[in-house]
Amino acid sequence: MEFLKEPVVVLILGVICIIASWLLRHLVKRRRFNRRNGAGVQQFSTYEQKYIKQKSEVLISLLSLLLFVGGAYLIILYFISK
């Protein structure tokens, strides 16, 4: 963990976490949008597919939230240590 003692590395990791968070959220929202039909209802071919996709999207969204909070924390640490 020696590399975390450098303030610039902490800032870069924070920015990377926030960008990764945004990319994951964008991926989930794009997939939801592409599943919608003309009436605005999401379409799935089977119930199992619906269940698995929705649960995986919830997990990805939680991971995205954790990445965002972690990235924000790292950026705050950078500015506090400066």
PDB file of N, CA and C in Angstrom:
ATOM      1  N   MET A   1       0.809  -1.196   0.000  1.00  0.00           N
ATOM      2  CA  MET A   1       0.000   0.000   0.000  1.00  0.00           C
ATOM      3  C   MET A   1       0.856   1.265   0.000  1.00  0.00           C
ATOM      4  N   GLU A   2       2.111   1.121  -0.361  1.00  0.00           N
ATOM      5  CA  GLU A   2       2.994   2.279  -0.421  1.00  0.00           C
ATOM      6  C   GLU A   2       2.530   3.285  -1.472  1.00  0.00           C
ATOM      7  N   PHE A   3       1.958   2.782  -2.562  1.00  0.00           N
ATOM      8  CA  PHE A   3       1.570   3.677  -3.647  1.00  0.00           C
ATOM      9  C   PHE A   3       0.428   4.601  -3.237  1.00  0.00           C
ATOM     10  N   LEU A   4      -0.360   4.247  -2.209  1.00  0.00           N
ATOM     11  CA  LEU A   4      -1.461   5.106  -1.772  1.00  0.00           C
ATOM     12  C   LEU A   4      -0.980   6.287  -0.951  1.00  0.00           C
ATOM     13  N   LYS A   5       0.299   6.321  -0.614  1.00  0.00           N
ATOM     14  CA  LYS A   5       0.825   7.456   0.135  1.00  0.00           C
ATOM     15  C   LYS A   5       1.078   8.656  -0.764  1.00  0.00           C
ATOM     16  N   GLU A   6       1.084   8.426  -2.061  1.00  0.00           N
ATOM     17  CA  GLU A   6       1.240   9.526  -3.012  1.00  0.00           C
ATOM     18  C   GLU A   6      -0.128  10.146  -3.276  1.00  0.00           C
ATOM     19  N   PRO A   7      -0.290  11.446  -3.058  1.00  0.00           N
ATOM     20  CA  PRO A   7      -1.605  12.081  -3.238  1.00  0.00           C
ATOM     21  C   PRO A   7      -2.136  11.998  -4.669  1.00  0.00           C
ATOM     22  N   VAL A   8      -1.249  12.065  -5.656  1.00  0.00           N
ATOM     23  CA  VAL A   8      -1.709  12.040  -7.050  1.00  0.00           C
ATOM     24  C   VAL A   8      -2.318  10.680  -7.389  1.00  0.00           C
ATOM     25  N   VAL A   9      -1.758   9.609  -6.852  1.00  0.00           N
ATOM     26  CA  VAL A   9      -2.287   8.270  -7.111  1.00  0.00           C
ATOM     27  C   VAL A   9      -3.696   8.137  -6.534  1.00  0.00           C
ATOM     28  N   VAL A  10      -3.905   8.718  -5.351  1.00  0.00           N
ATOM     29  CA  VAL A  10      -5.235   8.672  -4.731  1.00  0.00           C
ATOM     30  C   VAL A  10      -6.244   9.424  -5.597  1.00  0.00           C
ATOM     31  N   LEU A  11      -5.837  10.570  -6.120  1.00  0.00           N
ATOM     32  CA  LEU A  11      -6.727  11.341  -6.995  1.00  0.00           C
ATOM     33  C   LEU A  11      -7.059  10.569  -8.266  1.00  0.00           C
ATOM     34  N   ILE A  12      -6.062   9.964  -8.872  1.00  0.00           N
ATOM     35  CA  ILE A  12      -6.283   9.200 -10.109  1.00  0.00           C
ATOM     36  C   ILE A  12      -7.201   8.006  -9.853  1.00  0.00           C
ATOM     37  N   LEU A  13      -6.993   7.300  -8.749  1.00  0.00           N
ATOM     38  CA  LEU A  13      -7.875   6.173  -8.412  1.00  0.00           C
ATOM     39  C   LEU A  13      -9.304   6.640  -8.172  1.00  0.00           C
ATOM     40  N   GLY A  14      -9.461   7.783  -7.537  1.00  0.00           N
ATOM     41  CA  GLY A  14     -10.796   8.334  -7.308  1.00  0.00           C
ATOM     42  C   GLY A  14     -11.504   8.656  -8.601  1.00  0.00           C
ATOM     43  N   VAL A  15     -10.792   9.267  -9.521  1.00  0.00           N
ATOM     44  CA  VAL A  15     -11.386   9.611 -10.818  1.00  0.00           C
ATOM     45  C   VAL A  15     -11.721   8.346 -11.605  1.00  0.00           C
ATOM     46  N   ILE A  16     -10.841   7.354 -11.566  1.00  0.00           N
ATOM     47  CA  ILE A  16     -11.109   6.087 -12.256  1.00  0.00           C
ATOM     48  C   ILE A  16     -12.351   5.408 -11.683  1.00  0.00           C
ATOM     49  N   CYS A  17     -12.501   5.428 -10.364  1.00  0.00           N
ATOM     50  CA  CYS A  17     -13.686   4.824  -9.737  1.00  0.00           C
ATOM     51  C   CYS A  17     -14.962   5.529 -10.166  1.00  0.00           C
ATOM     52  N   ILE A  18     -14.926   6.842 -10.228  1.00  0.00           N
ATOM     53  CA  ILE A  18     -16.127   7.586 -10.619  1.00  0.00           C
ATOM     54  C   ILE A  18     -16.453   7.343 -12.100  1.00  0.00           C
ATOM     55  N   ILE A  19     -15.452   7.281 -12.949  1.00  0.00           N
ATOM     56  CA  ILE A  19     -15.698   6.996 -14.372  1.00  0.00           C
ATOM     57  C   ILE A  19     -16.253   5.580 -14.545  1.00  0.00           C
ATOM     58  N   ALA A  20     -15.688   4.610 -13.816  1.00  0.00           N
ATOM     59  CA  ALA A  20     -16.197   3.233 -13.888  1.00  0.00           C
ATOM     60  C   ALA A  20     -17.636   3.170 -13.390  1.00  0.00           C
ATOM     61  N   SER A  21     -17.940   3.933 -12.350  1.00  0.00           N
ATOM     62  CA  SER A  21     -19.310   3.986 -11.832  1.00  0.00           C
ATOM     63  C   SER A  21     -20.266   4.510 -12.895  1.00  0.00           C
ATOM     64  N   TRP A  22     -19.873   5.588 -13.564  1.00  0.00           N
ATOM     65  CA  TRP A  22     -20.723   6.148 -14.606  1.00  0.00           C
ATOM     66  C   TRP A  22     -20.918   5.161 -15.758  1.00  0.00           C
ATOM     67  N   LEU A  23     -19.845   4.474 -16.147  1.00  0.00           N
ATOM     68  CA  LEU A  23     -19.951   3.512 -17.242  1.00  0.00           C
ATOM     69  C   LEU A  23     -20.892   2.358 -16.892  1.00  0.00           C
ATOM     70  N   LEU A  24     -20.818   1.863 -15.666  1.00  0.00           N
ATOM     71  CA  LEU A  24     -21.723   0.779 -15.255  1.00  0.00           C
ATOM     72  C   LEU A  24     -23.173   1.242 -15.251  1.00  0.00           C
ATOM     73  N   ARG A  25     -23.430   2.443 -14.736  1.00  0.00           N
ATOM     74  CA  ARG A  25     -24.797   2.956 -14.723  1.00  0.00           C
ATOM     75  C   ARG A  25     -25.311   3.157 -16.145  1.00  0.00           C
ATOM     76  N   HIS A  26     -24.456   3.648 -17.022  1.00  0.00           N
ATOM     77  CA  HIS A  26     -24.845   3.847 -18.409  1.00  0.00           C
ATOM     78  C   HIS A  26     -25.181   2.510 -19.075  1.00  0.00           C
ATOM     79  N   LEU A  27     -24.385   1.489 -18.793  1.00  0.00           N
ATOM     80  CA  LEU A  27     -24.622   0.163 -19.358  1.00  0.00           C
ATOM     81  C   LEU A  27     -25.991  -0.370 -18.939  1.00  0.00           C
ATOM     82  N   VAL A  28     -26.315  -0.266 -17.670  1.00  0.00           N
ATOM     83  CA  VAL A  28     -27.599  -0.762 -17.166  1.00  0.00           C
ATOM     84  C   VAL A  28     -28.755   0.020 -17.776  1.00  0.00           C
ATOM     85  N   LYS A  29     -28.646   1.337 -17.797  1.00  0.00           N
ATOM     86  CA  LYS A  29     -29.741   2.148 -18.338  1.00  0.00           C
ATOM     87  C   LYS A  29     -29.932   1.925 -19.834  1.00  0.00           C
ATOM     88  N   ARG A  30     -28.839   1.746 -20.563  1.00  0.00           N
ATOM     89  CA  ARG A  30     -28.950   1.492 -22.002  1.00  0.00           C
ATOM     90  C   ARG A  30     -29.628   0.148 -22.260  1.00  0.00           C
ATOM     91  N   ARG A  31     -29.260  -0.878 -21.473  1.00  0.00           N
ATOM     92  CA  ARG A  31     -29.885  -2.191 -21.659  1.00  0.00           C
ATOM     93  C   ARG A  31     -31.373  -2.128 -21.339  1.00  0.00           C
ATOM     94  N   ARG A  32     -31.744  -1.398 -20.294  1.00  0.00           N
ATOM     95  CA  ARG A  32     -33.169  -1.249 -19.973  1.00  0.00           C
ATOM     96  C   ARG A  32     -33.911  -0.532 -21.096  1.00  0.00           C
ATOM     97  N   PHE A  33     -33.295   0.502 -21.640  1.00  0.00           N
ATOM     98  CA  PHE A  33     -33.924   1.252 -22.723  1.00  0.00           C
ATOM     99  C   PHE A  33     -34.123   0.376 -23.953  1.00  0.00           C
ATOM    100  N   ASN A  34     -33.129  -0.419 -24.290  1.00  0.00           N
ATOM    101  CA  ASN A  34     -33.213  -1.255 -25.493  1.00  0.00           C
ATOM    102  C   ASN A  34     -34.214  -2.398 -25.358  1.00  0.00           C
ATOM    103  N   ARG A  35     -34.605  -2.737 -24.138  1.00  0.00           N
ATOM    104  CA  ARG A  35     -35.597  -3.804 -23.942  1.00  0.00           C
ATOM    105  C   ARG A  35     -37.027  -3.291 -24.038  1.00  0.00           C
ATOM    106  N   ARG A  36     -37.210  -2.013 -24.103  1.00  0.00           N
ATOM    107  CA  ARG A  36     -38.576  -1.466 -24.116  1.00  0.00           C
ATOM    108  C   ARG A  36     -39.190  -1.529 -25.510  1.00  0.00           C
ATOM    109  N   ASN A  37     -40.502  -1.781 -25.523  1.00  0.00           N
ATOM    110  CA  ASN A  37     -41.221  -1.794 -26.794  1.00  0.00           C
ATOM    111  C   ASN A  37     -41.859  -0.426 -27.032  1.00  0.00           C
ATOM    112  N   GLY A  38     -42.713  -0.330 -28.027  1.00  0.00           N
ATOM    113  CA  GLY A  38     -43.354   0.943 -28.364  1.00  0.00           C
ATOM    114  C   GLY A  38     -44.233   1.505 -27.262  1.00  0.00           C
ATOM    115  N   ALA A  39     -44.777   0.635 -26.420  1.00  0.00           N
ATOM    116  CA  ALA A  39     -45.634   1.081 -25.322  1.00  0.00           C
ATOM    117  C   ALA A  39     -44.836   1.440 -24.077  1.00  0.00           C
ATOM    118  N   GLY A  40     -43.531   1.241 -24.106  1.00  0.00           N
ATOM    119  CA  GLY A  40     -42.697   1.579 -22.957  1.00  0.00           C
ATOM    120  C   GLY A  40     -42.581   0.479 -21.923  1.00  0.00           C
ATOM    121  N   VAL A  41     -42.968  -0.745 -22.308  1.00  0.00           N
ATOM    122  CA  VAL A  41     -42.919  -1.881 -21.395  1.00  0.00           C
ATOM    123  C   VAL A  41     -41.700  -2.732 -21.731  1.00  0.00           C
ATOM    124  N   GLN A  42     -40.969  -3.157 -20.701  1.00  0.00           N
ATOM    125  CA  GLN A  42     -39.811  -4.015 -20.933  1.00  0.00           C
ATOM    126  C   GLN A  42     -40.275  -5.399 -21.364  1.00  0.00           C
ATOM    127  N   GLN A  43     -39.598  -5.958 -22.368  1.00  0.00           N
ATOM    128  CA  GLN A  43     -39.968  -7.269 -22.892  1.00  0.00           C
ATOM    129  C   GLN A  43     -38.878  -8.288 -22.567  1.00  0.00           C
ATOM    130  N   PHE A  44     -39.316  -9.442 -22.075  1.00  0.00           N
ATOM    131  CA  PHE A  44     -38.427 -10.568 -21.797  1.00  0.00           C
ATOM    132  C   PHE A  44     -39.038 -11.800 -22.437  1.00  0.00           C
ATOM    133  N   SER A  45     -38.190 -12.733 -22.859  1.00  0.00           N
ATOM    134  CA  SER A  45     -38.727 -13.929 -23.507  1.00  0.00           C
ATOM    135  C   SER A  45     -39.238 -14.939 -22.487  1.00  0.00           C
ATOM    136  N   THR A  46     -38.619 -15.013 -21.306  1.00  0.00           N
ATOM    137  CA  THR A  46     -39.087 -15.938 -20.268  1.00  0.00           C
ATOM    138  C   THR A  46     -39.042 -15.248 -18.907  1.00  0.00           C
ATOM    139  N   TYR A  47     -39.758 -15.816 -17.969  1.00  0.00           N
ATOM    140  CA  TYR A  47     -39.768 -15.284 -16.612  1.00  0.00           C
ATOM    141  C   TYR A  47     -38.390 -15.400 -15.975  1.00  0.00           C
ATOM    142  N   GLU A  48     -37.707 -16.513 -16.217  1.00  0.00           N
ATOM    143  CA  GLU A  48     -36.381 -16.718 -15.638  1.00  0.00           C
ATOM    144  C   GLU A  48     -35.402 -15.673 -16.147  1.00  0.00           C
ATOM    145  N   GLN A  49     -35.495 -15.365 -17.426  1.00  0.00           N
ATOM    146  CA  GLN A  49     -34.624 -14.350 -18.011  1.00  0.00           C
ATOM    147  C   GLN A  49     -34.891 -12.982 -17.371  1.00  0.00           C
ATOM    148  N   LYS A  50     -36.154 -12.692 -17.156  1.00  0.00           N
ATOM    149  CA  LYS A  50     -36.513 -11.428 -16.517  1.00  0.00           C
ATOM    150  C   LYS A  50     -35.947 -11.359 -15.109  1.00  0.00           C
ATOM    151  N   TYR A  51     -36.121 -12.416 -14.358  1.00  0.00           N
ATOM    152  CA  TYR A  51     -35.667 -12.449 -12.968  1.00  0.00           C
ATOM    153  C   TYR A  51     -34.144 -12.289 -12.884  1.00  0.00           C
ATOM    154  N   ILE A  52     -33.434 -13.039 -13.696  1.00  0.00           N
ATOM    155  CA  ILE A  52     -31.965 -13.000 -13.656  1.00  0.00           C
ATOM    156  C   ILE A  52     -31.448 -11.639 -14.108  1.00  0.00           C
ATOM    157  N   LYS A  53     -32.007 -11.094 -15.170  1.00  0.00           N
ATOM    158  CA  LYS A  53     -31.526  -9.799 -15.668  1.00  0.00           C
ATOM    159  C   LYS A  53     -31.811  -8.676 -14.689  1.00  0.00           C
ATOM    160  N   GLN A  54     -32.989  -8.682 -14.081  1.00  0.00           N
ATOM    161  CA  GLN A  54     -33.307  -7.614 -13.143  1.00  0.00           C
ATOM    162  C   GLN A  54     -32.451  -7.701 -11.887  1.00  0.00           C
ATOM    163  N   LYS A  55     -32.209  -8.896 -11.391  1.00  0.00           N
ATOM    164  CA  LYS A  55     -31.363  -9.043 -10.196  1.00  0.00           C
ATOM    165  C   LYS A  55     -29.917  -8.665 -10.506  1.00  0.00           C
ATOM    166  N   SER A  56     -29.441  -9.054 -11.686  1.00  0.00           N
ATOM    167  CA  SER A  56     -28.059  -8.695 -12.027  1.00  0.00           C
ATOM    168  C   SER A  56     -27.923  -7.185 -12.209  1.00  0.00           C
ATOM    169  N   GLU A  57     -28.951  -6.534 -12.741  1.00  0.00           N
ATOM    170  CA  GLU A  57     -28.895  -5.085 -12.891  1.00  0.00           C
ATOM    171  C   GLU A  57     -28.910  -4.381 -11.542  1.00  0.00           C
ATOM    172  N   VAL A  58     -29.613  -4.936 -10.577  1.00  0.00           N
ATOM    173  CA  VAL A  58     -29.604  -4.365  -9.231  1.00  0.00           C
ATOM    174  C   VAL A  58     -28.208  -4.490  -8.625  1.00  0.00           C
ATOM    175  N   LEU A  59     -27.575  -5.650  -8.800  1.00  0.00           N
ATOM    176  CA  LEU A  59     -26.220  -5.838  -8.270  1.00  0.00           C
ATOM    177  C   LEU A  59     -25.215  -4.905  -8.952  1.00  0.00           C
ATOM    178  N   ILE A  60     -25.345  -4.737 -10.250  1.00  0.00           N
ATOM    179  CA  ILE A  60     -24.448  -3.833 -10.965  1.00  0.00           C
ATOM    180  C   ILE A  60     -24.674  -2.394 -10.507  1.00  0.00           C
ATOM    181  N   SER A  61     -25.919  -2.018 -10.268  1.00  0.00           N
ATOM    182  CA  SER A  61     -26.206  -0.672  -9.780  1.00  0.00           C
ATOM    183  C   SER A  61     -25.627  -0.449  -8.389  1.00  0.00           C
ATOM    184  N   LEU A  62     -25.692  -1.458  -7.533  1.00  0.00           N
ATOM    185  CA  LEU A  62     -25.097  -1.334  -6.199  1.00  0.00           C
ATOM    186  C   LEU A  62     -23.578  -1.221  -6.286  1.00  0.00           C
ATOM    187  N   LEU A  63     -22.973  -2.004  -7.163  1.00  0.00           N
ATOM    188  CA  LEU A  63     -21.530  -1.902  -7.377  1.00  0.00           C
ATOM    189  C   LEU A  63     -21.169  -0.512  -7.882  1.00  0.00           C
ATOM    190  N   SER A  64     -21.978   0.024  -8.773  1.00  0.00           N
ATOM    191  CA  SER A  64     -21.752   1.359  -9.295  1.00  0.00           C
ATOM    192  C   SER A  64     -21.829   2.399  -8.182  1.00  0.00           C
ATOM    193  N   LEU A  65     -22.797   2.250  -7.305  1.00  0.00           N
ATOM    194  CA  LEU A  65     -22.931   3.175  -6.184  1.00  0.00           C
ATOM    195  C   LEU A  65     -21.718   3.091  -5.263  1.00  0.00           C
ATOM    196  N   LEU A  66     -21.259   1.887  -4.983  1.00  0.00           N
ATOM    197  CA  LEU A  66     -20.071   1.718  -4.139  1.00  0.00           C
ATOM    198  C   LEU A  66     -18.827   2.338  -4.789  1.00  0.00           C
ATOM    199  N   LEU A  67     -18.681   2.154  -6.093  1.00  0.00           N
ATOM    200  CA  LEU A  67     -17.559   2.761  -6.802  1.00  0.00           C
ATOM    201  C   LEU A  67     -17.627   4.286  -6.738  1.00  0.00           C
ATOM    202  N   PHE A  68     -18.814   4.836  -6.875  1.00  0.00           N
ATOM    203  CA  PHE A  68     -18.960   6.284  -6.826  1.00  0.00           C
ATOM    204  C   PHE A  68     -18.615   6.823  -5.442  1.00  0.00           C
ATOM    205  N   VAL A  69     -19.139   6.185  -4.416  1.00  0.00           N
ATOM    206  CA  VAL A  69     -18.856   6.633  -3.047  1.00  0.00           C
ATOM    207  C   VAL A  69     -17.361   6.489  -2.741  1.00  0.00           C
ATOM    208  N   GLY A  70     -16.780   5.365  -3.147  1.00  0.00           N
ATOM    209  CA  GLY A  70     -15.345   5.167  -2.932  1.00  0.00           C
ATOM    210  C   GLY A  70     -14.506   6.185  -3.684  1.00  0.00           C
ATOM    211  N   GLY A  71     -14.868   6.477  -4.914  1.00  0.00           N
ATOM    212  CA  GLY A  71     -14.151   7.473  -5.696  1.00  0.00           C
ATOM    213  C   GLY A  71     -14.266   8.861  -5.102  1.00  0.00           C
ATOM    214  N   ALA A  72     -15.470   9.206  -4.649  1.00  0.00           N
ATOM    215  CA  ALA A  72     -15.659  10.511  -4.008  1.00  0.00           C
ATOM    216  C   ALA A  72     -14.837  10.603  -2.721  1.00  0.00           C
ATOM    217  N   TYR A  73     -14.799   9.523  -1.968  1.00  0.00           N
ATOM    218  CA  TYR A  73     -14.010   9.483  -0.732  1.00  0.00           C
ATOM    219  C   TYR A  73     -12.526   9.671  -1.031  1.00  0.00           C
ATOM    220  N   LEU A  74     -12.021   9.015  -2.065  1.00  0.00           N
ATOM    221  CA  LEU A  74     -10.614   9.161  -2.434  1.00  0.00           C
ATOM    222  C   LEU A  74     -10.293  10.584  -2.886  1.00  0.00           C
ATOM    223  N   ILE A  75     -11.198  11.193  -3.638  1.00  0.00           N
ATOM    224  CA  ILE A  75     -10.968  12.570  -4.084  1.00  0.00           C
ATOM    225  C   ILE A  75     -10.989  13.524  -2.899  1.00  0.00           C
ATOM    226  N   ILE A  76     -11.903  13.307  -1.961  1.00  0.00           N
ATOM    227  CA  ILE A  76     -11.937  14.140  -0.747  1.00  0.00           C
ATOM    228  C   ILE A  76     -10.651  13.960   0.046  1.00  0.00           C
ATOM    229  N   LEU A  77     -10.160  12.712   0.154  1.00  0.00           N
ATOM    230  CA  LEU A  77      -8.890  12.484   0.837  1.00  0.00           C
ATOM    231  C   LEU A  77      -7.754  13.238   0.172  1.00  0.00           C
ATOM    232  N   TYR A  78      -7.767  13.277  -1.140  1.00  0.00           N
ATOM    233  CA  TYR A  78      -6.715  13.982  -1.860  1.00  0.00           C
ATOM    234  C   TYR A  78      -6.716  15.473  -1.478  1.00  0.00           C
ATOM    235  N   PHE A  79      -7.906  16.088  -1.480  1.00  0.00           N
ATOM    236  CA  PHE A  79      -7.967  17.511  -1.187  1.00  0.00           C
ATOM    237  C   PHE A  79      -7.717  17.810   0.291  1.00  0.00           C
ATOM    238  N   ILE A  80      -8.040  16.898   1.173  1.00  0.00           N
ATOM    239  CA  ILE A  80      -7.765  17.092   2.592  1.00  0.00           C
ATOM    240  C   ILE A  80      -6.255  16.995   2.852  1.00  0.00           C
ATOM    241  N   SER A  81      -5.601  16.058   2.199  1.00  0.00           N
ATOM    242  CA  SER A  81      -4.160  15.850   2.446  1.00  0.00           C
ATOM    243  C   SER A  81      -3.302  16.920   1.779  1.00  0.00           C
ATOM    244  N   LYS A  82      -3.872  17.671   0.891  1.00  0.00           N
ATOM    245  CA  LYS A  82      -3.101  18.669   0.167  1.00  0.00           C
ATOM    246  C   LYS A  82      -2.913  19.933   0.937  1.00  0.00           C
TER     247      LYS A  82
END
